[in-house]
Amino acid sequence: MNIHYSPLRYPGGKNCIFPFVSKIFYENQLIGTSYAEPYAGGSGLALRLLFEGYVNHIYINDLDRSIYAFWISVLNRSDEFL
């Protein structure tokens, strides 16, 4: 079953490696830490780690100004975005 927490379907998305990454968090006792993703794109992996309780905070960014602007709008100007 595919679980998508992101509103974006981004080429090269990292959501597919969630089982591997979540196992790393579990086996290294990193549950509840923060997660940073410099090339976030759709942020599928980061959001899934957050929503499923593996991390408490996510920090996302992207070199693509359009993706950056999308997430800034969603987070900081949600009323205008909607």
Protein backbone atom coordinates (compact mmCIF):
# COMPACT_ATOMS: atom_id res chain seq x y z
CA MET A 1 0.00 0.00 0.00
CA ASN A 2 1.40 3.39 -0.97
CA ILE A 3 1.02 6.13 1.62
CA HIS A 4 1.35 9.71 0.43
CA TYR A 5 1.38 12.57 2.92
CA SER A 6 2.60 15.15 0.42
CA PRO A 7 0.32 17.06 -1.95
CA LEU A 8 3.09 16.83 -4.56
CA ARG A 9 4.14 13.82 -6.59
CA TYR A 10 7.74 14.67 -7.23
CA PRO A 11 10.01 12.80 -9.69
CA GLY A 12 12.71 11.01 -7.77
CA GLY A 13 10.73 11.17 -4.54
CA LYS A 14 12.25 9.54 -1.49
CA ASN A 15 9.01 8.24 0.03
CA CYS A 16 9.82 4.82 -1.44
CA ILE A 17 12.82 4.45 0.91
CA PHE A 18 10.72 5.02 4.04
CA PRO A 19 11.03 1.38 5.22
CA PHE A 20 14.83 1.61 5.04
CA VAL A 21 15.10 5.06 6.67
CA SER A 22 12.57 4.33 9.42
CA LYS A 23 14.53 1.18 10.29
CA ILE A 24 17.69 3.29 10.61
CA PHE A 25 15.88 5.63 13.02
CA TYR A 26 14.55 2.69 15.05
CA GLU A 27 17.75 0.65 15.21
CA ASN A 28 19.89 3.66 16.15
CA GLN A 29 17.47 4.93 18.80
CA LEU A 30 16.81 8.15 16.89
CA ILE A 31 13.04 8.15 17.36
CA GLY A 32 11.91 11.67 18.31
CA THR A 33 14.87 13.52 16.82
CA SER A 34 14.80 16.06 13.99
CA TYR A 35 15.21 15.35 10.28
CA ALA A 36 16.62 17.74 7.69
CA GLU A 37 16.21 17.31 3.95
CA PRO A 38 18.07 19.84 1.76
CA TYR A 39 16.54 18.66 -1.53
CA ALA A 40 13.01 18.15 -0.30
CA GLY A 41 10.99 18.22 -3.52
CA GLY A 42 7.61 16.87 -2.50
CA SER A 43 8.91 16.12 1.02
CA GLY A 44 7.15 12.76 1.04
CA LEU A 45 9.77 11.03 3.17
CA ALA A 46 10.12 13.92 5.62
CA LEU A 47 6.37 14.25 6.07
CA ARG A 48 5.89 10.52 6.52
CA LEU A 49 8.64 10.37 9.15
CA LEU A 50 6.92 13.26 10.95
CA PHE A 51 3.33 12.03 10.71
CA GLU A 52 4.21 8.47 11.69
CA GLY A 53 6.09 9.65 14.78
CA TYR A 54 9.67 8.82 13.88
CA VAL A 55 10.77 12.46 14.17
CA ASN A 56 9.44 15.47 16.08
CA HIS A 57 10.57 18.18 13.66
CA ILE A 58 11.44 18.36 9.98
CA TYR A 59 13.50 20.98 8.19
CA ILE A 60 13.02 21.09 4.44
CA ASN A 61 14.55 23.15 1.67
CA ASP A 62 15.04 22.89 -2.06
CA LEU A 63 17.28 24.49 -4.66
CA ASP A 64 14.31 24.79 -7.04
CA ARG A 65 12.78 28.20 -6.26
CA SER A 66 9.32 27.01 -7.30
CA ILE A 67 9.38 24.14 -4.81
CA TYR A 68 10.78 26.42 -2.11
CA ALA A 69 8.06 28.99 -2.81
CA PHE A 70 5.36 26.30 -2.70
CA TRP A 71 6.36 25.10 0.77
CA ILE A 72 6.84 28.65 2.10
CA SER A 73 3.33 29.49 0.86
CA VAL A 74 1.80 26.36 2.37
CA LEU A 75 3.44 26.92 5.75
CA ASN A 76 3.41 30.71 6.11
CA ARG A 77 0.62 31.99 3.87
CA SER A 78 -1.85 29.15 3.93
CA ASP A 79 -5.00 31.33 3.83
CA GLU A 80 -3.77 33.12 0.72
CA PHE A 81 -2.55 29.85 -0.77
CA LEU A 82 -5.97 28.25 -0.40
